[in-house]
C-alpha cells in the first residue's frame, strides 16, 4: 500500500518553501510529478523509494503558503532531514493552469483552487 505523508505546515526559510511532515523521509527520491486528489481537496507530490511511491499530501489549509512562495525552491523536511522537491514549481504551475475552469476535477476542487491560486 502506498504511504501518505501529510504536510502539517509550510514555512518560508532561507529563501525556500519548507513543507513539514511528521514521519521520516529517509530514502525517498523525488518523482517530479504532481497529482490532484479532488475528493480530499489536495495536491500530491510523488516520491519514490525502493518499493513503491510515497504520496506527499498538500492539503487545502497550506495552499495560501504555497501561493506566497510560488517561485521559491520547495523542500520537504521531517525535522531531521530535508529533500528538495525537484521540478515542483513547474509541475504545480502546470496543474494549477489546467484546473482553472476545468470541470474534470470536480466543481468544488476547481472553486477552491481558483479562489486561492486565481483570485
C-alpha atoms as a PDB file:
ATOM      1  CA  UNK A   1       0.000   0.000   0.000  1.00  0.00           C
ATOM      2  CA  UNK A   2       1.226   3.473  -0.811  1.00  0.00           C
ATOM      3  CA  UNK A   3       2.393   5.561   2.090  1.00  0.00           C
ATOM      4  CA  UNK A   4       0.908   9.040   2.579  1.00  0.00           C
ATOM      5  CA  UNK A   5       2.782  11.818   4.338  1.00  0.00           C
ATOM      6  CA  UNK A   6       0.506  14.764   5.071  1.00  0.00           C
ATOM      7  CA  UNK A   7       2.157  18.171   5.115  1.00  0.00           C
ATOM      8  CA  UNK A   8       1.447  19.724   8.500  1.00  0.00           C
ATOM      9  CA  UNK A   9       2.916  23.174   7.818  1.00  0.00           C
ATOM     10  CA  UNK A  10       4.565  25.189   5.073  1.00  0.00           C
ATOM     11  CA  UNK A  11       7.155  27.800   6.043  1.00  0.00           C
ATOM     12  CA  UNK A  12       9.477  30.096   4.151  1.00  0.00           C
ATOM     13  CA  UNK A  13      13.014  29.620   5.443  1.00  0.00           C
ATOM     14  CA  UNK A  14      16.283  30.712   3.872  1.00  0.00           C
ATOM     15  CA  UNK A  15      14.640  31.624   0.545  1.00  0.00           C
ATOM     16  CA  UNK A  16      12.853  28.270   0.210  1.00  0.00           C
ATOM     17  CA  UNK A  17       9.420  26.862   0.976  1.00  0.00           C
ATOM     18  CA  UNK A  18       9.826  24.058   3.510  1.00  0.00           C
ATOM     19  CA  UNK A  19       6.981  21.551   3.813  1.00  0.00           C
ATOM     20  CA  UNK A  20       6.935  19.928   7.245  1.00  0.00           C
ATOM     21  CA  UNK A  21       5.852  16.306   7.751  1.00  0.00           C
ATOM     22  CA  UNK A  22       5.833  14.240  10.943  1.00  0.00           C
ATOM     23  CA  UNK A  23       7.194  10.959   9.535  1.00  0.00           C
ATOM     24  CA  UNK A  24      10.685  10.074   8.325  1.00  0.00           C
ATOM     25  CA  UNK A  25      11.562  10.851   4.713  1.00  0.00           C
ATOM     26  CA  UNK A  26      14.819   8.878   4.633  1.00  0.00           C
ATOM     27  CA  UNK A  27      15.314   7.045   1.351  1.00  0.00           C
ATOM     28  CA  UNK A  28      12.682   8.977  -0.596  1.00  0.00           C
ATOM     29  CA  UNK A  29      13.560  10.289  -4.051  1.00  0.00           C
ATOM     30  CA  UNK A  30      11.504  12.940  -5.897  1.00  0.00           C
ATOM     31  CA  UNK A  31       9.457  11.513  -8.774  1.00  0.00           C
ATOM     32  CA  UNK A  32       8.949  15.054 -10.128  1.00  0.00           C
ATOM     33  CA  UNK A  33       5.202  14.650 -10.625  1.00  0.00           C
ATOM     34  CA  UNK A  34       2.136  16.231  -9.004  1.00  0.00           C
ATOM     35  CA  UNK A  35      -1.357  14.739  -8.955  1.00  0.00           C
ATOM     36  CA  UNK A  36      -4.718  16.118  -7.873  1.00  0.00           C
ATOM     37  CA  UNK A  37      -6.906  14.485  -5.223  1.00  0.00           C
ATOM     38  CA  UNK A  38     -10.254  16.146  -5.922  1.00  0.00           C
ATOM     39  CA  UNK A  39     -12.049  14.045  -3.343  1.00  0.00           C
ATOM     40  CA  UNK A  40      -9.886  15.303  -0.458  1.00  0.00           C
ATOM     41  CA  UNK A  41      -9.127  18.759  -1.907  1.00  0.00           C
ATOM     42  CA  UNK A  42      -5.397  18.284  -2.005  1.00  0.00           C
ATOM     43  CA  UNK A  43      -2.430  18.033  -4.314  1.00  0.00           C
ATOM     44  CA  UNK A  44       0.016  15.141  -4.166  1.00  0.00           C
ATOM     45  CA  UNK A  45       3.714  15.288  -4.931  1.00  0.00           C
ATOM     46  CA  UNK A  46       5.047  11.826  -5.759  1.00  0.00           C
ATOM     47  CA  UNK A  47       8.222  10.456  -4.234  1.00  0.00           C
ATOM     48  CA  UNK A  48       9.739   7.027  -4.711  1.00  0.00           C
ATOM     49  CA  UNK A  49      11.637   4.591  -2.555  1.00  0.00           C
ATOM     50  CA  UNK A  50      12.948   1.155  -3.471  1.00  0.00           C
ATOM     51  CA  UNK A  51       9.496  -0.459  -3.229  1.00  0.00           C
ATOM     52  CA  UNK A  52       6.743   1.970  -4.151  1.00  0.00           C
ATOM     53  CA  UNK A  53       5.551   5.553  -4.363  1.00  0.00           C
ATOM     54  CA  UNK A  54       5.007   7.764  -1.348  1.00  0.00           C
ATOM     55  CA  UNK A  55       2.372  10.487  -1.589  1.00  0.00           C
ATOM     56  CA  UNK A  56       3.295  13.860  -0.145  1.00  0.00           C
ATOM     57  CA  UNK A  57      -0.190  15.253   0.511  1.00  0.00           C
ATOM     58  CA  UNK A  58      -0.580  19.037   0.200  1.00  0.00           C
ATOM     59  CA  UNK A  59      -3.946  19.762   1.870  1.00  0.00           C
ATOM     60  CA  UNK A  60      -6.033  22.877   1.322  1.00  0.00           C
ATOM     61  CA  UNK A  61      -5.003  24.681   4.560  1.00  0.00           C
ATOM     62  CA  UNK A  62      -1.411  25.110   3.318  1.00  0.00           C
ATOM     63  CA  UNK A  63      -2.340  26.375  -0.163  1.00  0.00           C
ATOM     64  CA  UNK A  64      -2.056  30.097   0.729  1.00  0.00           C
ATOM     65  CA  UNK A  65       1.504  29.497   1.949  1.00  0.00           C
ATOM     66  CA  UNK A  66       2.288  27.654  -1.273  1.00  0.00           C
ATOM     67  CA  UNK A  67       0.973  30.557  -3.327  1.00  0.00           C
ATOM     68  CA  UNK A  68       3.051  33.131  -1.434  1.00  0.00           C
ATOM     69  CA  UNK A  69       6.209  31.119  -2.130  1.00  0.00           C
ATOM     70  CA  UNK A  70       5.391  30.231  -5.732  1.00  0.00           C
ATOM     71  CA  UNK A  71       8.830  30.994  -7.182  1.00  0.00           C
ATOM     72  CA  UNK A  72      10.937  29.571  -4.355  1.00  0.00           C
ATOM     73  CA  UNK A  73      12.607  26.161  -4.309  1.00  0.00           C
ATOM     74  CA  UNK A  74      10.480  23.639  -2.387  1.00  0.00           C
ATOM     75  CA  UNK A  75      11.855  21.225   0.195  1.00  0.00           C
ATOM     76  CA  UNK A  76      10.274  18.598   2.423  1.00  0.00           C
ATOM     77  CA  UNK A  77      11.507  18.146   5.982  1.00  0.00           C
ATOM     78  CA  UNK A  78      10.799  15.674   8.753  1.00  0.00           C
ATOM     79  CA  UNK A  79      12.703  17.766  11.300  1.00  0.00           C
ATOM     80  CA  UNK A  80      15.916  15.786  10.811  1.00  0.00           C
ATOM     81  CA  UNK A  81      16.333  15.570   7.055  1.00  0.00           C
ATOM     82  CA  UNK A  82      15.467  17.827   4.095  1.00  0.00           C
ATOM     83  CA  UNK A  83      14.975  16.795   0.468  1.00  0.00           C
ATOM     84  CA  UNK A  84      14.434  19.215  -2.409  1.00  0.00           C
ATOM     85  CA  UNK A  85      11.268  18.500  -4.386  1.00  0.00           C
ATOM     86  CA  UNK A  86      12.693  18.876  -7.857  1.00  0.00           C
ATOM     87  CA  UNK A  87      10.509  20.354 -10.616  1.00  0.00           C
ATOM     88  CA  UNK A  88       7.837  21.180  -8.016  1.00  0.00           C
ATOM     89  CA  UNK A  89       7.118  24.688  -9.328  1.00  0.00           C
ATOM     90  CA  UNK A  90       6.944  23.662 -12.983  1.00  0.00           C
ATOM     91  CA  UNK A  91       4.633  20.742 -12.219  1.00  0.00           C
ATOM     92  CA  UNK A  92       2.470  22.779  -9.873  1.00  0.00           C
ATOM     93  CA  UNK A  93       2.110  25.646 -12.363  1.00  0.00           C
ATOM     94  CA  UNK A  94       1.008  23.148 -14.994  1.00  0.00           C
ATOM     95  CA  UNK A  95      -1.615  21.606 -12.667  1.00  0.00           C
ATOM     96  CA  UNK A  96      -2.952  24.971 -11.472  1.00  0.00           C
ATOM     97  CA  UNK A  97      -3.310  26.259 -15.029  1.00  0.00           C
ATOM     98  CA  UNK A  98      -5.009  23.019 -16.064  1.00  0.00           C
ATOM     99  CA  UNK A  99      -7.506  23.147 -13.177  1.00  0.00           C
ATOM    100  CA  UNK A 100      -8.712  26.655 -13.990  1.00  0.00           C
ATOM    101  CA  UNK A 101     -12.246  26.268 -15.355  1.00  0.00           C
ATOM    102  CA  UNK A 102     -11.800  22.518 -15.863  1.00  0.00           C
ATOM    103  CA  UNK A 103     -14.814  20.631 -14.509  1.00  0.00           C
ATOM    104  CA  UNK A 104     -12.964  17.300 -14.838  1.00  0.00           C
ATOM    105  CA  UNK A 105     -11.506  17.996 -11.389  1.00  0.00           C
ATOM    106  CA  UNK A 106     -14.936  18.478  -9.818  1.00  0.00           C
ATOM    107  CA  UNK A 107     -16.735  21.745  -9.226  1.00  0.00           C
ATOM    108  CA  UNK A 108     -15.656  22.150  -5.589  1.00  0.00           C
ATOM    109  CA  UNK A 109     -11.982  21.405  -6.265  1.00  0.00           C
ATOM    110  CA  UNK A 110     -11.944  23.892  -9.130  1.00  0.00           C
ATOM    111  CA  UNK A 111     -13.617  26.572  -6.997  1.00  0.00           C
ATOM    112  CA  UNK A 112     -11.255  26.024  -4.080  1.00  0.00           C
ATOM    113  CA  UNK A 113      -8.140  26.066  -6.275  1.00  0.00           C
ATOM    114  CA  UNK A 114      -9.301  29.124  -8.221  1.00  0.00           C
ATOM    115  CA  UNK A 115     -10.084  31.003  -5.001  1.00  0.00           C
ATOM    116  CA  UNK A 116      -6.507  30.599  -3.781  1.00  0.00           C
ATOM    117  CA  UNK A 117      -4.453  30.494  -6.970  1.00  0.00           C
ATOM    118  CA  UNK A 118      -6.532  32.511  -9.474  1.00  0.00           C
ATOM    119  CA  UNK A 119      -8.460  35.115  -7.437  1.00  0.00           C
END
